[in-house]
Each structure stands twice: as structure tokens, then as C-alpha cells.
Amino acid sequence: MKKEKIIYRVLERDGIRKLNEIDRYEIVEEVYYFRDGKLVLEKEYREIIGISDISEVIEDYIEDYDGGGTFIGAFAGEKLVGLSGIGGKLIGENKDIIQLTSLWVSNKYRKKGIGRQLISMLKEKARQSGAEKLYVSAVSSKNTVDFYRGAGFNLTTSVKELFEDEPEDIHMDMLI
């Protein structure tokens, strides 16, 4: 089978609306919990069918875009198969961190390097904005957390307000 060519490009505001083209389907059998300063892996079954509240997520991303955020799409032909974005403002105590606000890769396109390429491209955009670290508040599924750790992210609690807002997520950052 011929390898499908993936094209990456910075999205304009309306391009964010293509998020509904992402096939979010996933079966999760293990999740991480952050307890006593470390990750604990537990068996837990979840079937993720789609993106809940897709219109709300899209509107949140458009708000991020309007606030100076950057979004990059990965396309197979005209179909959006990956999307990632960073916020438009520096956060953290020293205002030297930028948040990775989104990373989505369609089911059949996972484990093909698309997520890593999107992160790599956003790291460059984050550096250009003056950030020294990239921060993510990730869903706790084993696949997601293992992906971020494999991409160079490490556990953190450095941005207290994000940690408090999403205590069930796994919070990580990386130097860029």
C-alpha cells in the first residue's frame, strides 16, 4: 500500500472548524492517575466514540486563535487528520511557558509521526513567542500519556491554576 502524503499547514481561523473531521475513536483499557507526586497506572475501560461537545471545543479553539494562538493542521488530501494548537499568551510564574491547548490525530493516522510533527512545528512557534517551555494538560489514557512522555514531556505541577482546573488530567511540560 502506498504511503499517504500528509501536508502540514498553519490554519486560518475558519480552518479550526474542520476539527469535526477528526475520527477520535479509541478504546482505552488503562489510565494514569497522578498520586503522591507520581503516575499510577490502573485498568479502566473507556470507549471514546467522538469529541463530546464538538461545537463548544471548536468555539474554545477559535477564542484561543483570536487571543493570538496558533493552530496547525495535518491534511490527507483535503481532509483534516490532525490538529494541534498553542495558546497566545505566556503563562506560569515567570511568564515563560506556553500551553499546548490541543492535539488531535484521527484514529487511522495515529502512530505515524503526525503528532510528533505537529508538536515539533508548534515548538518553533512557541520559541518565536518567547516561551522556554511547552505545557500540556493531557487526558489520562495510557496511550496519550505515553505519547507525550515519549515526545519529551515530563510530569509537572508548575502552573498551579491549570493543575487545579483539571486535576484528573496528567500535567507535563518540556523545555523547548
N, C-alpha and C. Protein backbone atom coordinates (compact mmCIF):
# COMPACT_ATOMS: atom_id res chain seq x y z
N MET A 1 0.85 -1.19 0.00
CA MET A 1 0.00 0.00 0.00
C MET A 1 0.89 1.24 0.00
N LYS A 2 0.56 2.20 -0.85
CA LYS A 2 1.32 3.44 -0.96
C LYS A 2 1.09 4.30 0.28
N LYS A 3 2.19 4.86 0.80
CA LYS A 3 2.09 5.72 1.97
C LYS A 3 1.39 7.02 1.58
N GLU A 4 0.39 7.39 2.36
CA GLU A 4 -0.38 8.60 2.08
C GLU A 4 0.43 9.83 2.47
N LYS A 5 0.46 10.82 1.60
CA LYS A 5 1.20 12.05 1.86
C LYS A 5 0.40 12.94 2.80
N ILE A 6 1.07 13.41 3.85
CA ILE A 6 0.45 14.31 4.82
C ILE A 6 1.06 15.70 4.62
N ILE A 7 0.20 16.68 4.49
CA ILE A 7 0.61 18.07 4.32
C ILE A 7 0.26 18.81 5.60
N TYR A 8 1.21 19.60 6.10
CA TYR A 8 1.02 20.37 7.32
C TYR A 8 0.94 21.85 6.96
N ARG A 9 -0.01 22.54 7.58
CA ARG A 9 -0.07 23.98 7.36
C ARG A 9 -0.72 24.68 8.56
N VAL A 10 -0.27 25.92 8.74
CA VAL A 10 -0.86 26.77 9.77
C VAL A 10 -2.29 27.05 9.35
N LEU A 11 -3.20 26.91 10.29
CA LEU A 11 -4.62 27.11 9.98
C LEU A 11 -5.03 28.56 10.16
N GLU A 12 -5.91 29.00 9.29
CA GLU A 12 -6.60 30.26 9.48
C GLU A 12 -7.76 29.97 10.44
N ARG A 13 -8.38 31.01 10.91
CA ARG A 13 -9.46 30.90 11.90
C ARG A 13 -10.53 29.87 11.49
N ASP A 14 -11.02 29.95 10.27
CA ASP A 14 -12.09 29.04 9.82
C ASP A 14 -11.62 27.61 9.68
N GLY A 15 -10.32 27.40 9.51
CA GLY A 15 -9.78 26.04 9.40
C GLY A 15 -9.99 25.23 10.66
N ILE A 16 -10.10 25.91 11.79
CA ILE A 16 -10.33 25.23 13.07
C ILE A 16 -11.66 24.48 13.06
N ARG A 17 -12.60 24.98 12.29
CA ARG A 17 -13.93 24.35 12.22
C ARG A 17 -13.88 22.95 11.61
N LYS A 18 -12.78 22.62 10.94
CA LYS A 18 -12.63 21.29 10.35
C LYS A 18 -12.34 20.22 11.40
N LEU A 19 -12.21 20.63 12.67
CA LEU A 19 -11.94 19.67 13.75
C LEU A 19 -12.94 18.51 13.73
N ASN A 20 -14.16 18.77 13.30
CA ASN A 20 -15.16 17.70 13.27
C ASN A 20 -14.83 16.59 12.27
N GLU A 21 -13.78 16.76 11.45
CA GLU A 21 -13.35 15.71 10.54
C GLU A 21 -12.45 14.68 11.21
N ILE A 22 -11.99 14.99 12.42
CA ILE A 22 -11.09 14.08 13.14
C ILE A 22 -11.89 12.91 13.70
N ASP A 23 -11.42 11.70 13.43
CA ASP A 23 -12.03 10.48 13.98
C ASP A 23 -11.37 10.20 15.33
N ARG A 24 -12.04 10.52 16.39
CA ARG A 24 -11.49 10.43 17.74
C ARG A 24 -11.59 9.03 18.33
N TYR A 25 -12.19 8.08 17.63
CA TYR A 25 -12.46 6.75 18.20
C TYR A 25 -11.21 6.13 18.82
N GLU A 26 -11.43 5.58 20.02
CA GLU A 26 -10.34 4.90 20.72
C GLU A 26 -10.92 4.03 21.82
N ILE A 27 -10.32 2.88 22.01
CA ILE A 27 -10.64 2.05 23.17
C ILE A 27 -9.50 2.21 24.15
N VAL A 28 -9.85 2.63 25.34
CA VAL A 28 -8.86 2.84 26.41
C VAL A 28 -9.05 1.72 27.42
N GLU A 29 -7.97 1.07 27.77
CA GLU A 29 -8.05 -0.01 28.75
C GLU A 29 -7.27 0.28 30.01
N GLU A 30 -6.38 1.29 29.95
CA GLU A 30 -5.61 1.68 31.12
C GLU A 30 -5.50 3.20 31.18
N VAL A 31 -5.55 3.73 32.38
CA VAL A 31 -5.41 5.17 32.58
C VAL A 31 -4.43 5.44 33.72
N TYR A 32 -3.82 6.60 33.62
CA TYR A 32 -2.89 7.04 34.67
C TYR A 32 -3.61 7.96 35.64
N TYR A 33 -3.19 7.89 36.88
CA TYR A 33 -3.60 8.84 37.90
C TYR A 33 -2.34 9.41 38.52
N PHE A 34 -2.37 10.69 38.86
CA PHE A 34 -1.24 11.35 39.49
C PHE A 34 -1.51 11.33 40.99
N ARG A 35 -0.74 10.51 41.70
CA ARG A 35 -0.94 10.37 43.15
C ARG A 35 0.39 10.45 43.87
N ASP A 36 0.42 11.26 44.91
CA ASP A 36 1.63 11.41 45.73
C ASP A 36 2.85 11.72 44.87
N GLY A 37 2.67 12.56 43.86
CA GLY A 37 3.78 13.02 43.04
C GLY A 37 4.25 12.06 41.97
N LYS A 38 3.52 10.97 41.75
CA LYS A 38 3.95 10.04 40.70
C LYS A 38 2.74 9.47 39.96
N LEU A 39 3.05 8.88 38.80
CA LEU A 39 2.00 8.27 38.00
C LEU A 39 1.69 6.86 38.48
N VAL A 40 0.39 6.57 38.55
CA VAL A 40 -0.07 5.23 38.91
C VAL A 40 -0.98 4.77 37.77
N LEU A 41 -0.66 3.61 37.20
CA LEU A 41 -1.43 3.07 36.08
C LEU A 41 -2.46 2.09 36.60
N GLU A 42 -3.72 2.27 36.17
CA GLU A 42 -4.80 1.39 36.61
C GLU A 42 -5.61 0.91 35.40
N LYS A 43 -6.15 -0.29 35.52
CA LYS A 43 -7.05 -0.82 34.49
C LYS A 43 -8.36 -0.03 34.58
N GLU A 44 -8.80 0.45 33.45
CA GLU A 44 -10.06 1.18 33.39
C GLU A 44 -10.49 1.22 31.94
N TYR A 45 -11.68 0.75 31.64
CA TYR A 45 -12.16 0.66 30.27
C TYR A 45 -12.98 1.89 29.91
N ARG A 46 -12.65 2.47 28.77
CA ARG A 46 -13.43 3.58 28.21
C ARG A 46 -13.46 3.40 26.70
N GLU A 47 -14.62 3.62 26.12
CA GLU A 47 -14.72 3.65 24.66
C GLU A 47 -15.04 5.08 24.27
N ILE A 48 -14.13 5.68 23.53
CA ILE A 48 -14.30 7.07 23.11
C ILE A 48 -14.80 7.05 21.68
N ILE A 49 -16.01 7.52 21.50
CA ILE A 49 -16.65 7.47 20.20
C ILE A 49 -16.31 8.71 19.37
N GLY A 50 -16.42 9.85 19.96
CA GLY A 50 -16.18 11.11 19.23
C GLY A 50 -15.73 12.17 20.21
N ILE A 51 -15.77 13.39 19.75
CA ILE A 51 -15.41 14.52 20.60
C ILE A 51 -16.70 15.04 21.20
N SER A 52 -16.84 14.90 22.51
CA SER A 52 -18.06 15.39 23.14
C SER A 52 -18.06 16.92 23.06
N ASP A 53 -19.22 17.49 22.87
CA ASP A 53 -19.39 18.93 22.78
C ASP A 53 -18.46 19.55 21.73
N ILE A 54 -18.43 18.96 20.55
CA ILE A 54 -17.52 19.40 19.49
C ILE A 54 -17.67 20.88 19.18
N SER A 55 -18.90 21.39 19.14
CA SER A 55 -19.08 22.81 18.80
C SER A 55 -18.49 23.70 19.88
N GLU A 56 -18.60 23.28 21.14
CA GLU A 56 -18.01 24.04 22.25
C GLU A 56 -16.48 24.03 22.17
N VAL A 57 -15.91 22.88 21.85
CA VAL A 57 -14.45 22.76 21.71
C VAL A 57 -13.97 23.66 20.58
N ILE A 58 -14.66 23.64 19.46
CA ILE A 58 -14.28 24.48 18.32
C ILE A 58 -14.34 25.96 18.72
N GLU A 59 -15.39 26.36 19.40
CA GLU A 59 -15.51 27.76 19.82
C GLU A 59 -14.39 28.15 20.79
N ASP A 60 -14.02 27.23 21.69
CA ASP A 60 -12.90 27.50 22.60
C ASP A 60 -11.60 27.70 21.81
N TYR A 61 -11.38 26.87 20.80
CA TYR A 61 -10.17 26.99 19.99
C TYR A 61 -10.17 28.28 19.17
N ILE A 62 -11.33 28.67 18.68
CA ILE A 62 -11.42 29.93 17.94
C ILE A 62 -11.12 31.10 18.88
N GLU A 63 -11.59 31.00 20.11
CA GLU A 63 -11.28 32.03 21.11
C GLU A 63 -9.76 32.07 21.36
N ASP A 64 -9.14 30.89 21.46
CA ASP A 64 -7.68 30.83 21.61
C ASP A 64 -7.00 31.49 20.40
N TYR A 65 -7.47 31.18 19.21
CA TYR A 65 -6.92 31.75 17.99
C TYR A 65 -7.04 33.28 18.02
N ASP A 66 -8.22 33.77 18.38
CA ASP A 66 -8.46 35.21 18.44
C ASP A 66 -7.58 35.88 19.49
N GLY A 67 -7.15 35.10 20.49
CA GLY A 67 -6.27 35.62 21.54
C GLY A 67 -4.79 35.50 21.18
N GLY A 68 -4.50 35.18 19.92
CA GLY A 68 -3.12 35.10 19.48
C GLY A 68 -2.57 33.69 19.35
N GLY A 69 -3.41 32.69 19.57
CA GLY A 69 -2.97 31.30 19.46
C GLY A 69 -2.67 30.90 18.03
N THR A 70 -1.94 29.80 17.90
CA THR A 70 -1.57 29.27 16.58
C THR A 70 -2.05 27.82 16.50
N PHE A 71 -2.64 27.47 15.37
CA PHE A 71 -3.11 26.12 15.13
C PHE A 71 -2.51 25.60 13.84
N ILE A 72 -2.10 24.34 13.86
CA ILE A 72 -1.53 23.70 12.68
C ILE A 72 -2.37 22.46 12.38
N GLY A 73 -2.66 22.28 11.11
CA GLY A 73 -3.43 21.12 10.68
C GLY A 73 -2.56 20.17 9.87
N ALA A 74 -2.88 18.90 9.98
CA ALA A 74 -2.26 17.86 9.15
C ALA A 74 -3.36 17.35 8.23
N PHE A 75 -3.08 17.35 6.93
CA PHE A 75 -4.09 17.01 5.94
C PHE A 75 -3.68 15.83 5.08
N ALA A 76 -4.63 14.93 4.87
CA ALA A 76 -4.51 13.87 3.87
C ALA A 76 -5.46 14.29 2.76
N GLY A 77 -4.91 14.84 1.69
CA GLY A 77 -5.76 15.46 0.68
C GLY A 77 -6.38 16.70 1.30
N GLU A 78 -7.69 16.81 1.21
CA GLU A 78 -8.39 17.96 1.81
C GLU A 78 -8.92 17.65 3.21
N LYS A 79 -8.77 16.42 3.65
CA LYS A 79 -9.32 16.00 4.94
C LYS A 79 -8.35 16.29 6.08
N LEU A 80 -8.84 16.95 7.11
CA LEU A 80 -8.05 17.21 8.31
C LEU A 80 -7.92 15.91 9.09
N VAL A 81 -6.68 15.46 9.31
CA VAL A 81 -6.45 14.21 10.04
C VAL A 81 -5.67 14.46 11.34
N GLY A 82 -5.21 15.69 11.53
CA GLY A 82 -4.52 16.05 12.76
C GLY A 82 -4.62 17.54 12.97
N LEU A 83 -4.72 17.94 14.22
CA LEU A 83 -4.80 19.36 14.57
C LEU A 83 -4.13 19.57 15.90
N SER A 84 -3.34 20.62 15.99
CA SER A 84 -2.72 20.96 17.26
C SER A 84 -2.62 22.47 17.36
N GLY A 85 -2.62 22.96 18.60
CA GLY A 85 -2.56 24.40 18.79
C GLY A 85 -1.90 24.79 20.10
N ILE A 86 -1.41 26.03 20.11
CA ILE A 86 -0.86 26.62 21.34
C ILE A 86 -1.62 27.90 21.64
N GLY A 87 -1.66 28.23 22.92
CA GLY A 87 -2.30 29.47 23.34
C GLY A 87 -1.51 30.68 22.87
N GLY A 88 -2.11 31.84 23.02
CA GLY A 88 -1.49 33.06 22.54
C GLY A 88 -0.79 33.88 23.59
N LYS A 89 -0.74 33.38 24.83
CA LYS A 89 -0.08 34.17 25.87
C LYS A 89 0.83 33.27 26.70
N LEU A 90 1.86 33.89 27.21
CA LEU A 90 2.79 33.18 28.09
C LEU A 90 2.17 33.07 29.47
N ILE A 91 2.36 31.93 30.11
CA ILE A 91 1.77 31.66 31.41
C ILE A 91 2.86 31.22 32.38
N GLY A 92 2.45 30.92 33.61
CA GLY A 92 3.37 30.47 34.63
C GLY A 92 3.92 31.63 35.43
N GLU A 93 4.55 31.29 36.51
CA GLU A 93 5.08 32.30 37.43
C GLU A 93 6.02 33.28 36.74
N ASN A 94 6.86 32.77 35.83
CA ASN A 94 7.84 33.61 35.14
C ASN A 94 7.40 34.03 33.74
N LYS A 95 6.15 33.71 33.39
CA LYS A 95 5.62 34.01 32.05
C LYS A 95 6.58 33.53 30.96
N ASP A 96 7.02 32.27 31.11
CA ASP A 96 7.95 31.69 30.14
C ASP A 96 7.45 30.34 29.60
N ILE A 97 6.16 30.08 29.81
CA ILE A 97 5.55 28.80 29.41
C ILE A 97 4.40 29.11 28.46
N ILE A 98 4.26 28.28 27.44
CA ILE A 98 3.09 28.39 26.56
C ILE A 98 2.35 27.05 26.58
N GLN A 99 1.04 27.12 26.58
CA GLN A 99 0.23 25.90 26.70
C GLN A 99 -0.07 25.29 25.34
N LEU A 100 0.17 23.99 25.24
CA LEU A 100 -0.30 23.20 24.12
C LEU A 100 -1.78 22.96 24.41
N THR A 101 -2.64 23.66 23.70
CA THR A 101 -4.07 23.62 24.02
C THR A 101 -4.81 22.47 23.36
N SER A 102 -4.19 21.91 22.30
CA SER A 102 -4.89 20.85 21.60
C SER A 102 -3.91 19.98 20.82
N LEU A 103 -4.26 18.71 20.75
CA LEU A 103 -3.56 17.78 19.87
C LEU A 103 -4.52 16.63 19.58
N TRP A 104 -4.93 16.52 18.33
CA TRP A 104 -5.85 15.50 17.89
C TRP A 104 -5.29 14.84 16.64
N VAL A 105 -5.32 13.53 16.59
CA VAL A 105 -4.95 12.80 15.39
C VAL A 105 -6.03 11.74 15.16
N SER A 106 -6.54 11.69 13.93
CA SER A 106 -7.58 10.70 13.61
C SER A 106 -7.08 9.29 13.85
N ASN A 107 -8.01 8.44 14.24
CA ASN A 107 -7.71 7.07 14.63
C ASN A 107 -6.76 6.36 13.66
N LYS A 108 -7.09 6.30 12.40
CA LYS A 108 -6.28 5.51 11.47
C LYS A 108 -4.94 6.17 11.12
N TYR A 109 -4.72 7.39 11.59
CA TYR A 109 -3.47 8.10 11.31
C TYR A 109 -2.53 8.15 12.51
N ARG A 110 -2.93 7.52 13.60
CA ARG A 110 -2.08 7.52 14.79
C ARG A 110 -0.88 6.60 14.59
N LYS A 111 0.16 6.87 15.34
CA LYS A 111 1.41 6.09 15.33
C LYS A 111 2.11 6.16 13.97
N LYS A 112 1.95 7.30 13.30
CA LYS A 112 2.60 7.52 12.01
C LYS A 112 3.49 8.77 12.04
N GLY A 113 3.70 9.34 13.24
CA GLY A 113 4.56 10.51 13.38
C GLY A 113 3.86 11.85 13.23
N ILE A 114 2.57 11.85 13.01
CA ILE A 114 1.83 13.10 12.80
C ILE A 114 1.82 13.94 14.07
N GLY A 115 1.52 13.34 15.20
CA GLY A 115 1.50 14.07 16.46
C GLY A 115 2.86 14.70 16.78
N ARG A 116 3.91 13.93 16.60
CA ARG A 116 5.27 14.45 16.86
C ARG A 116 5.60 15.61 15.92
N GLN A 117 5.20 15.49 14.65
CA GLN A 117 5.46 16.57 13.70
C GLN A 117 4.70 17.83 14.10
N LEU A 118 3.45 17.68 14.50
CA LEU A 118 2.66 18.84 14.93
C LEU A 118 3.31 19.51 16.15
N ILE A 119 3.75 18.71 17.11
CA ILE A 119 4.43 19.27 18.29
C ILE A 119 5.71 19.99 17.88
N SER A 120 6.48 19.38 17.01
CA SER A 120 7.73 19.99 16.55
C SER A 120 7.48 21.36 15.93
N MET A 121 6.47 21.44 15.10
CA MET A 121 6.15 22.71 14.44
C MET A 121 5.67 23.75 15.45
N LEU A 122 4.91 23.32 16.44
CA LEU A 122 4.42 24.26 17.44
C LEU A 122 5.53 24.69 18.40
N LYS A 123 6.50 23.82 18.65
CA LYS A 123 7.64 24.22 19.48
C LYS A 123 8.34 25.42 18.86
N GLU A 124 8.50 25.41 17.55
CA GLU A 124 9.14 26.54 16.86
C GLU A 124 8.30 27.81 17.04
N LYS A 125 7.00 27.70 16.88
CA LYS A 125 6.11 28.86 17.08
C LYS A 125 6.18 29.35 18.52
N ALA A 126 6.25 28.42 19.47
CA ALA A 126 6.34 28.79 20.89
C ALA A 126 7.65 29.53 21.17
N ARG A 127 8.74 29.04 20.61
CA ARG A 127 10.05 29.72 20.78
C ARG A 127 9.97 31.15 20.24
N GLN A 128 9.34 31.29 19.10
CA GLN A 128 9.21 32.62 18.49
C GLN A 128 8.42 33.58 19.37
N SER A 129 7.54 33.05 20.21
CA SER A 129 6.75 33.90 21.10
C SER A 129 7.48 34.19 22.41
N GLY A 130 8.67 33.60 22.57
CA GLY A 130 9.46 33.86 23.77
C GLY A 130 9.33 32.80 24.86
N ALA A 131 8.62 31.73 24.58
CA ALA A 131 8.45 30.67 25.58
C ALA A 131 9.72 29.84 25.72
N GLU A 132 9.92 29.32 26.92
CA GLU A 132 11.03 28.40 27.19
C GLU A 132 10.54 26.98 27.41
N LYS A 133 9.23 26.86 27.71
CA LYS A 133 8.63 25.54 27.95
C LYS A 133 7.29 25.44 27.25
N LEU A 134 6.95 24.21 26.90
CA LEU A 134 5.64 23.87 26.36
C LEU A 134 4.94 23.04 27.43
N TYR A 135 3.70 23.39 27.75
CA TYR A 135 2.94 22.77 28.83
C TYR A 135 1.70 22.08 28.27
N VAL A 136 1.42 20.87 28.76
CA VAL A 136 0.20 20.19 28.33
C VAL A 136 -0.52 19.61 29.54
N SER A 137 -1.82 19.74 29.51
CA SER A 137 -2.71 19.10 30.47
C SER A 137 -3.42 18.01 29.68
N ALA A 138 -2.93 16.77 29.81
CA ALA A 138 -3.35 15.68 28.93
C ALA A 138 -4.39 14.78 29.58
N VAL A 139 -5.29 14.25 28.74
CA VAL A 139 -6.20 13.23 29.24
C VAL A 139 -5.36 12.07 29.75
N SER A 140 -5.90 11.31 30.66
CA SER A 140 -5.11 10.33 31.42
C SER A 140 -4.96 8.96 30.79
N SER A 141 -5.44 8.76 29.56
CA SER A 141 -5.31 7.44 28.94
C SER A 141 -3.83 7.08 28.77
N LYS A 142 -3.53 5.81 28.91
CA LYS A 142 -2.15 5.34 28.81
C LYS A 142 -1.52 5.74 27.48
N ASN A 143 -2.24 5.54 26.38
CA ASN A 143 -1.69 5.88 25.06
C ASN A 143 -1.32 7.36 24.97
N THR A 144 -2.19 8.23 25.48
CA THR A 144 -1.94 9.67 25.40
C THR A 144 -0.74 10.07 26.25
N VAL A 145 -0.72 9.63 27.49
CA VAL A 145 0.37 10.00 28.40
C VAL A 145 1.68 9.41 27.90
N ASP A 146 1.67 8.17 27.47
CA ASP A 146 2.90 7.56 26.94
C ASP A 146 3.40 8.30 25.70
N PHE A 147 2.47 8.76 24.85
CA PHE A 147 2.87 9.54 23.68
C PHE A 147 3.62 10.80 24.11
N TYR A 148 3.03 11.56 25.01
CA TYR A 148 3.66 12.82 25.44
C TYR A 148 5.01 12.57 26.12
N ARG A 149 5.06 11.55 26.94
CA ARG A 149 6.34 11.25 27.60
C ARG A 149 7.40 10.84 26.57
N GLY A 150 7.00 10.07 25.58
CA GLY A 150 7.91 9.68 24.52
C GLY A 150 8.36 10.86 23.66
N ALA A 151 7.54 11.90 23.62
CA ALA A 151 7.88 13.11 22.85
C ALA A 151 8.76 14.06 23.65
N GLY A 152 9.03 13.73 24.93
CA GLY A 152 9.93 14.56 25.73
C GLY A 152 9.30 15.34 26.86
N PHE A 153 8.00 15.15 27.09
CA PHE A 153 7.34 15.84 28.19
C PHE A 153 7.61 15.11 29.50
N ASN A 154 7.67 15.89 30.60
CA ASN A 154 7.87 15.35 31.94
C ASN A 154 6.78 15.85 32.86
N LEU A 155 6.48 15.08 33.90
CA LEU A 155 5.46 15.48 34.87
C LEU A 155 5.79 16.82 35.49
N THR A 156 4.74 17.61 35.75
CA THR A 156 4.92 18.90 36.39
C THR A 156 3.66 19.30 37.13
N THR A 157 3.81 20.20 38.05
CA THR A 157 2.68 20.88 38.69
C THR A 157 2.96 22.38 38.68
N SER A 158 3.79 22.82 37.73
CA SER A 158 4.31 24.19 37.75
C SER A 158 3.27 25.28 37.50
N VAL A 159 2.22 24.99 36.76
CA VAL A 159 1.20 26.01 36.51
C VAL A 159 -0.01 25.66 37.39
N LYS A 160 0.02 26.19 38.59
CA LYS A 160 -0.96 25.80 39.62
C LYS A 160 -2.40 25.95 39.18
N GLU A 161 -2.73 27.06 38.50
CA GLU A 161 -4.13 27.28 38.12
C GLU A 161 -4.61 26.22 37.14
N LEU A 162 -3.76 25.77 36.22
CA LEU A 162 -4.16 24.71 35.29
C LEU A 162 -4.27 23.37 36.02
N PHE A 163 -3.36 23.13 36.92
CA PHE A 163 -3.38 21.89 37.69
C PHE A 163 -4.67 21.82 38.52
N GLU A 164 -5.06 22.94 39.11
CA GLU A 164 -6.28 22.98 39.93
C GLU A 164 -7.54 22.90 39.06
N ASP A 165 -7.50 23.49 37.85
CA ASP A 165 -8.66 23.46 36.96
C ASP A 165 -8.94 22.07 36.41
N GLU A 166 -7.88 21.27 36.19
CA GLU A 166 -8.04 19.95 35.58
C GLU A 166 -7.25 18.91 36.38
N PRO A 167 -7.69 18.64 37.60
CA PRO A 167 -6.92 17.74 38.48
C PRO A 167 -6.87 16.29 38.01
N GLU A 168 -7.79 15.86 37.15
CA GLU A 168 -7.78 14.49 36.66
C GLU A 168 -6.82 14.31 35.48
N ASP A 169 -6.45 15.42 34.85
CA ASP A 169 -5.51 15.34 33.73
C ASP A 169 -4.10 15.09 34.25
N ILE A 170 -3.24 14.69 33.35
CA ILE A 170 -1.83 14.50 33.66
C ILE A 170 -1.09 15.71 33.10
N HIS A 171 -0.45 16.47 33.98
CA HIS A 171 0.17 17.73 33.61
C HIS A 171 1.67 17.50 33.36
N MET A 172 2.12 17.98 32.19
CA MET A 172 3.50 17.76 31.79
C MET A 172 4.02 19.01 31.08
N ASP A 173 5.33 19.15 31.10
CA ASP A 173 5.96 20.20 30.31
C ASP A 173 7.27 19.71 29.74
N MET A 174 7.80 20.51 28.81
CA MET A 174 9.10 20.18 28.21
C MET A 174 9.81 21.49 27.88
N LEU A 175 11.13 21.45 27.99
CA LEU A 175 11.92 22.58 27.55
C LEU A 175 11.90 22.61 26.04
N ILE A 176 11.84 23.82 25.48
CA ILE A 176 11.83 23.93 24.03
C ILE A 176 13.03 24.75 23.59
